[in-house]
Each structure stands twice: as C-alpha cells, then as structure tokens.
Amino acid sequence: MTQTNIDWNECWKEQWQKNHEINKRKDTSGMWDEQDAARKFYRMSYEKNGERVNRTIAGLALTPESRVLDVGAGPGAITIPIARRVSHVTAVEPSEGMFAVLKENLRDEEIENADCIQKRWEDVDVAKDLSGPYNLVFASFSLDVHDMKAAITKMCEASSQYVYIYWFAGEASWEKMAKDLWPKLHGTAYEVSPKSDIIFSILYQMGIYPHVEHFVYEHIYRFSTEEEAIEYFRPRHLVTTEEQEELLREYIMQSLEHDGDTVTVPGHSHRMKIWWDVNDFPADE
C-alpha cells in the first residue's frame, strides 16, 4: 500500500481505540470528573511560572477585538488569561469536575466576557450551541477524539480565520511510565495515544497545509506527600490490588524528588503547535 492510499483518519481511529481500550475508558473527560483532580490540574498548569500557559497564549494571534473558542478548556488555565486580553471567549469542556472548577475560577477571577458549554466537542452543534463568529479557534492538548477529521472540520466551521491544535509528539514521560509498568501490572503491552504526525497527515489529505512548530515541555507533578503521589497515579495505571500498588510505589519512588515541603515527579514531552488560516484552505475545495 502506498502512502497516498493510506486513510490517515482511520489510522488515528485505530490507535485512539487501542489506547482507550488499554486504559478501559470511553473518553478522557471521565478522568477529571472529581473537582479535586481538576483543581490539582489547574495548579499544575502554573508550574514553572506557567510556562505552558504563557507559551500557548504568546503563540496565538490575539487582539483586543478577538472572539476566541477554547475547545477542551479544562479548569480555565488558558481561558482566563485569554479572556483578559480579548473581546470574548467561549469555553467548551465536557468533564463534570473540570466544568465545575472552570465556572468557579471564572467567578473568582471576575471574568465576565466568557461563556461555558458543558459538552464533548463531538456533540457540539456550531450553529446552535456556540456564540460565534470566532476569528480564532484552538484546542490545547485537549482534542482527544475518536474522529479527528470530523473534529478538525468542525473547528474550521467555527472559525472565520485561525485554527490552532496543540498535540503531542513522540513518547511522553507518562507514556514511558505506562509502558514500563503495564506488563508488570497487567501482563500486556501498553498502547500509546496517536500523535501529531497523524494529525498532520489528516490535514494534508484534507488539502490543508499547516504551519508546524516543535517544542519540548518540562512538566512537574507536585504533591504534598509521597502517599498523595501514589494516590494520584493509582487510577491512571488501573491499580486495584496490593501487589500492583507495591509495584507502582517502587517505580514512583525511584523517580520521586523532594522539593522543600513537597515531593515531585519530573517529566517532559515533545509537543507540536499546528495552525493554519481557514481562508487559505476553503473547506469546499
């Protein structure tokens, strides 16, 4: 089979399905249904002086007149600072816990130019659910969808100018952890999530030739105690027995570091910023 005959969207679906089956979940939003987990994620977003948040915002073509759509907004780590710079933001977030903390943070930060929609991006109706038009639509490491082509098409439909997708490249540190642990914990190999190379190939087949920028992000899992660290990683590795927990504990303790009154598990990942102007690539072509 030649590369031109490959259906890259089907490749995405197959790898996405394998990753979700190995993690025994229907979609990623269920990981964040607990508000405490959402609040921890929000705090972690501002590690290293908010490097990821600041990098994302600096890379978006924002103006005071911008109307922005944030797909998969989480607890609002990017939504809130963007709202202070633009005319309007719509935040779409499916997770119950994330959505509750998003609303809480918007209220606490006295943000009044943002509205929120609790739906999966797959279920959003652009005409009925959104308050467009938006001249900028972005998804920052949140576009964990089964049908990537359909998700991209909808982003283009919602945007009058720019679309940005941030996603992962290569093996992230948390995937290395899973690949190391899964055979010991569950007796099978771990299936990683699909990466940015497939997104680029899907776009190429759609007749969209985007800009691409690579960067490396160092991130830190920070906890009050060693036990809190174990508690955080336990459900992410489907640990249910004492034997599995001992294997997880042994692995975590090898990489855990002490930083003042907290303990940390450092990590890093390669990431891609993929963006284009929808006016350069009309959807009907």
Protein backbone atom coordinates (compact mmCIF):
# COMPACT_ATOMS: atom_id res chain seq x y z
CA MET A 1 0.00 0.00 0.00
CA THR A 2 1.38 3.39 -0.94
CA GLN A 3 1.21 6.36 1.39
CA THR A 4 -1.35 8.06 -0.87
CA ASN A 5 -3.73 5.13 -0.28
CA ILE A 6 -3.49 5.31 3.50
CA ASP A 7 -6.59 6.67 5.22
CA TRP A 8 -4.87 8.62 7.98
CA ASN A 9 -8.10 9.33 9.82
CA GLU A 10 -8.68 5.58 10.09
CA CYS A 11 -5.10 5.22 11.40
CA TRP A 12 -5.94 7.79 14.06
CA LYS A 13 -9.17 5.96 14.98
CA GLU A 14 -7.41 2.61 15.29
CA GLN A 15 -4.65 3.89 17.57
CA TRP A 16 -7.10 6.00 19.58
CA GLN A 17 -9.28 2.92 20.10
CA LYS A 18 -6.32 0.80 21.22
CA ASN A 19 -5.23 3.48 23.69
CA HIS A 20 -8.70 3.87 25.16
CA GLU A 21 -9.29 0.14 25.39
CA ILE A 22 -6.00 -0.44 27.23
CA ASN A 23 -6.95 2.37 29.66
CA LYS A 24 -10.50 1.00 29.97
CA ARG A 25 -12.22 4.30 29.35
CA LYS A 26 -14.74 5.60 26.85
CA ASP A 27 -13.24 9.10 26.73
CA THR A 28 -10.68 11.19 28.56
CA SER A 29 -13.18 13.51 30.25
CA GLY A 30 -14.06 10.86 32.82
CA MET A 31 -10.56 11.16 34.29
CA TRP A 32 -11.42 14.63 35.54
CA ASP A 33 -14.90 14.20 37.00
CA GLU A 34 -13.57 14.79 40.53
CA GLN A 35 -13.25 18.50 41.31
CA ASP A 36 -10.15 17.98 43.49
CA ALA A 37 -8.36 16.42 40.50
CA ALA A 38 -9.43 19.37 38.35
CA ARG A 39 -8.12 21.86 40.90
CA LYS A 40 -4.80 19.99 41.10
CA PHE A 41 -4.54 20.09 37.31
CA TYR A 42 -5.20 23.85 37.39
CA ARG A 43 -2.38 24.38 39.92
CA MET A 44 -0.02 22.17 37.92
CA SER A 45 -0.70 24.31 34.83
CA TYR A 46 1.16 27.16 36.54
CA GLU A 47 4.28 25.18 37.46
CA LYS A 48 7.50 26.85 36.26
CA ASN A 49 5.72 30.23 36.27
CA GLY A 50 3.01 28.98 33.93
CA GLU A 51 5.41 28.16 31.10
CA ARG A 52 2.91 26.10 29.09
CA VAL A 53 0.11 28.63 29.52
CA ASN A 54 2.31 31.58 28.63
CA ARG A 55 3.80 29.81 25.61
CA THR A 56 0.34 28.95 24.30
CA ILE A 57 -1.03 32.46 24.70
CA ALA A 58 2.07 34.08 23.18
CA GLY A 59 1.68 31.84 20.13
CA LEU A 60 -1.93 32.81 19.37
CA ALA A 61 -2.84 35.71 17.08
CA LEU A 62 -4.87 37.56 19.73
CA THR A 63 -6.09 41.15 19.59
CA PRO A 64 -8.36 43.13 21.92
CA GLU A 65 -11.16 42.56 19.37
CA SER A 66 -10.66 38.78 19.14
CA ARG A 67 -13.52 36.36 19.70
CA VAL A 68 -11.99 33.06 20.78
CA LEU A 69 -13.25 29.47 21.07
CA ASP A 70 -11.34 27.25 23.52
CA VAL A 71 -12.06 23.57 22.76
CA GLY A 72 -11.46 21.45 25.84
CA ALA A 73 -10.88 24.35 28.22
CA GLY A 74 -10.37 22.26 31.36
CA PRO A 75 -10.43 24.37 34.54
CA GLY A 76 -9.66 27.57 32.62
CA ALA A 77 -5.88 27.86 32.94
CA ILE A 78 -5.69 29.33 29.42
CA THR A 79 -9.26 30.59 29.11
CA ILE A 80 -8.93 33.07 31.95
CA PRO A 81 -5.74 34.93 30.89
CA ILE A 82 -7.00 34.99 27.29
CA ALA A 83 -10.32 36.48 28.44
CA ARG A 84 -8.40 39.42 29.92
CA ARG A 85 -6.89 40.19 26.50
CA VAL A 86 -9.80 39.72 24.09
CA SER A 87 -13.41 40.69 23.49
CA HIS A 88 -14.99 37.29 24.17
CA VAL A 89 -14.15 33.64 24.92
CA THR A 90 -16.35 30.59 24.66
CA ALA A 91 -15.03 27.62 26.63
CA VAL A 92 -16.17 24.09 25.75
CA GLU A 93 -15.46 21.45 28.41
CA PRO A 94 -17.15 18.03 28.80
CA SER A 95 -15.86 16.84 32.18
CA GLU A 96 -18.17 17.44 35.12
CA GLY A 97 -15.33 18.19 37.54
CA MET A 98 -13.37 20.38 35.15
CA PHE A 99 -16.50 22.29 34.16
CA ALA A 100 -17.43 23.00 37.78
CA VAL A 101 -13.91 24.27 38.56
CA LEU A 102 -13.88 26.30 35.32
CA LYS A 103 -17.06 28.09 36.40
CA GLU A 104 -15.63 28.52 39.90
CA ASN A 105 -12.39 30.03 38.58
CA LEU A 106 -14.19 32.39 36.19
CA ARG A 107 -16.32 33.62 39.08
CA ASP A 108 -13.37 34.00 41.46
CA GLU A 109 -11.35 35.87 38.81
CA GLU A 110 -14.36 38.08 37.98
CA ILE A 111 -14.28 37.17 34.28
CA GLU A 112 -17.47 38.39 32.64
CA ASN A 113 -16.70 38.08 28.92
CA ALA A 114 -16.70 34.26 28.79
CA ASP A 115 -19.44 31.71 28.37
CA CYS A 116 -19.17 27.98 29.01
CA ILE A 117 -20.63 24.92 27.34
CA GLN A 118 -20.50 21.50 29.01
CA LYS A 119 -20.37 19.19 26.03
CA ARG A 120 -17.95 16.96 24.20
CA TRP A 121 -16.62 18.68 21.09
CA GLU A 122 -18.07 15.81 19.07
CA ASP A 123 -21.55 16.72 20.36
CA VAL A 124 -21.34 20.48 19.88
CA ASP A 125 -23.59 21.99 17.21
CA VAL A 126 -21.74 25.01 15.85
CA ALA A 127 -24.91 26.83 14.85
CA LYS A 128 -26.99 26.04 17.94
CA ASP A 129 -24.52 25.80 20.81
CA LEU A 130 -21.89 28.43 20.08
CA SER A 131 -22.00 32.22 20.10
CA GLY A 132 -19.82 32.79 17.04
CA PRO A 133 -18.38 34.01 14.85
CA TYR A 134 -14.89 33.28 16.20
CA ASN A 135 -11.80 34.51 14.44
CA LEU A 136 -9.66 32.10 16.45
CA VAL A 137 -10.42 28.51 17.49
CA PHE A 138 -7.89 26.43 19.42
CA ALA A 139 -7.51 23.15 21.29
CA SER A 140 -4.57 22.91 23.67
CA PHE A 141 -3.77 19.22 24.28
CA SER A 142 -7.49 18.55 24.60
CA LEU A 143 -8.55 17.17 21.23
CA ASP A 144 -8.75 13.54 22.39
CA VAL A 145 -11.42 12.48 19.91
CA HIS A 146 -12.16 9.28 18.01
CA ASP A 147 -12.76 11.01 14.67
CA MET A 148 -10.03 13.62 14.25
CA LYS A 149 -11.09 14.61 10.73
CA ALA A 150 -14.62 15.40 11.91
CA ALA A 151 -13.23 17.39 14.86
CA ILE A 152 -10.98 19.42 12.56
CA THR A 153 -13.81 20.04 10.11
CA LYS A 154 -15.95 21.40 12.95
CA MET A 155 -13.14 23.66 14.16
CA CYS A 156 -12.83 25.07 10.63
CA GLU A 157 -16.60 25.58 10.51
CA ALA A 158 -16.50 27.54 13.78
CA SER A 159 -13.56 29.75 12.74
CA SER A 160 -13.54 32.71 10.38
CA GLN A 161 -9.73 32.82 10.36
CA TYR A 162 -7.33 30.82 12.55
CA VAL A 163 -7.35 27.25 13.87
CA TYR A 164 -4.66 26.04 16.30
CA ILE A 165 -4.13 22.49 17.51
CA TYR A 166 -1.54 21.67 20.16
CA TRP A 167 -0.75 17.98 20.49
CA PHE A 168 1.96 15.53 21.49
CA ALA A 169 4.87 14.12 19.50
CA GLY A 170 6.97 11.09 20.37
CA GLU A 171 6.81 9.28 23.69
CA ALA A 172 5.86 11.41 26.68
CA SER A 173 7.29 10.62 30.12
CA TRP A 174 3.90 9.43 31.41
CA GLU A 175 3.66 7.04 28.47
CA LYS A 176 7.12 5.69 29.23
CA MET A 177 5.92 5.13 32.79
CA ALA A 178 2.87 3.26 31.49
CA LYS A 179 4.95 1.21 29.03
CA ASP A 180 7.34 0.26 31.84
CA LEU A 181 4.57 -0.62 34.31
CA TRP A 182 1.81 -2.15 32.19
CA PRO A 183 3.46 -5.55 31.56
CA LYS A 184 4.14 -5.90 35.30
CA LEU A 185 0.75 -4.64 36.41
CA HIS A 186 -1.50 -6.13 33.75
CA GLY A 187 0.56 -8.66 31.81
CA THR A 188 0.24 -6.84 28.49
CA ALA A 189 1.96 -4.11 26.49
CA TYR A 190 0.71 -0.54 26.76
CA GLU A 191 -0.81 1.17 23.71
CA VAL A 192 0.15 4.85 23.37
CA SER A 193 -2.14 7.56 22.05
CA PRO A 194 -1.93 8.71 18.39
CA LYS A 195 0.42 11.62 17.82
CA SER A 196 0.86 14.82 15.82
CA ASP A 197 2.28 13.09 12.76
CA ILE A 198 -1.14 11.57 12.08
CA ILE A 199 -2.88 14.93 12.59
CA PHE A 200 -0.55 16.49 10.02
CA SER A 201 -1.24 13.66 7.58
CA ILE A 202 -5.01 14.01 8.06
CA LEU A 203 -4.76 17.73 7.37
CA TYR A 204 -2.63 17.08 4.29
CA GLN A 205 -5.24 14.70 2.92
CA MET A 206 -7.88 17.35 3.60
CA GLY A 207 -5.92 19.81 1.46
CA ILE A 208 -4.78 21.81 4.48
CA TYR A 209 -1.04 22.53 4.66
CA PRO A 210 -0.45 23.93 8.15
CA HIS A 211 2.41 25.65 9.90
CA VAL A 212 4.15 23.36 12.39
CA GLU A 213 6.32 24.24 15.37
CA HIS A 214 8.01 21.76 17.71
CA PHE A 215 8.91 22.43 21.33
CA VAL A 216 9.86 20.47 24.44
CA TYR A 217 7.90 20.97 27.64
CA GLU A 218 9.27 20.08 31.05
CA HIS A 219 6.44 19.43 33.47
CA ILE A 220 6.31 18.60 37.16
CA TYR A 221 3.82 16.51 39.12
CA ARG A 222 3.83 18.10 42.58
CA PHE A 223 2.35 16.53 45.72
CA SER A 224 2.20 17.26 49.43
CA THR A 225 3.27 13.75 50.40
CA GLU A 226 4.53 10.52 48.88
CA GLU A 227 1.16 8.93 49.58
CA GLU A 228 -0.60 11.67 47.62
CA ALA A 229 1.66 10.87 44.66
CA ILE A 230 0.76 7.19 44.84
CA GLU A 231 -2.94 8.10 45.13
CA TYR A 232 -2.68 10.28 42.00
CA PHE A 233 -1.05 7.62 39.82
CA ARG A 234 -3.05 4.64 41.12
CA PRO A 235 -6.19 5.12 38.98
CA ARG A 236 -4.15 6.23 35.96
CA HIS A 237 -2.48 2.83 35.92
CA LEU A 238 -5.62 0.89 36.89
CA VAL A 239 -4.06 -0.29 40.14
CA THR A 240 -6.56 -2.24 42.25
CA THR A 241 -4.58 -4.84 44.25
CA GLU A 242 -1.97 -4.56 46.99
CA GLU A 243 0.57 -6.32 44.78
CA GLN A 244 0.00 -3.82 41.96
CA GLU A 245 0.24 -0.89 44.37
CA GLU A 246 3.60 -2.15 45.65
CA LEU A 247 4.92 -2.32 42.08
CA LEU A 248 3.64 1.21 41.41
CA ARG A 249 5.12 2.51 44.65
CA GLU A 250 8.52 1.00 43.88
CA TYR A 251 8.53 2.63 40.44
CA ILE A 252 7.35 6.05 41.66
CA MET A 253 9.87 6.14 44.49
CA GLN A 254 12.73 5.72 42.00
CA SER A 255 11.86 8.99 40.26
CA LEU A 256 10.33 10.96 43.11
CA GLU A 257 12.23 14.05 44.31
CA HIS A 258 11.87 16.25 47.38
CA ASP A 259 11.43 19.99 46.90
CA GLY A 260 11.01 21.87 50.16
CA ASP A 261 7.76 20.75 51.79
CA THR A 262 6.58 18.96 48.64
CA VAL A 263 7.53 15.93 46.58
CA THR A 264 7.71 15.97 42.79
CA VAL A 265 7.81 13.55 39.88
CA PRO A 266 9.53 15.32 36.97
CA GLY A 267 8.74 14.63 33.35
CA HIS A 268 8.91 16.01 29.83
CA SER A 269 7.25 15.65 26.46
CA HIS A 270 7.76 16.72 22.86
CA ARG A 271 4.87 18.80 21.59
CA MET A 272 3.63 20.32 18.36
CA LYS A 273 1.80 23.54 17.57
CA ILE A 274 -0.13 23.10 14.33
CA TRP A 275 -2.01 26.06 12.87
CA TRP A 276 -3.49 27.49 9.70
CA ASP A 277 -5.75 30.19 8.29
CA VAL A 278 -9.03 28.66 7.12
CA ASN A 279 -9.28 31.31 4.40
CA ASP A 280 -6.17 29.85 2.76
CA PHE A 281 -7.75 26.38 2.59
CA PRO A 282 -11.52 26.67 1.94
CA ALA A 283 -13.47 23.66 3.13
CA ASP A 284 -15.25 23.15 -0.19
CA GLU A 285 -12.03 22.68 -2.15
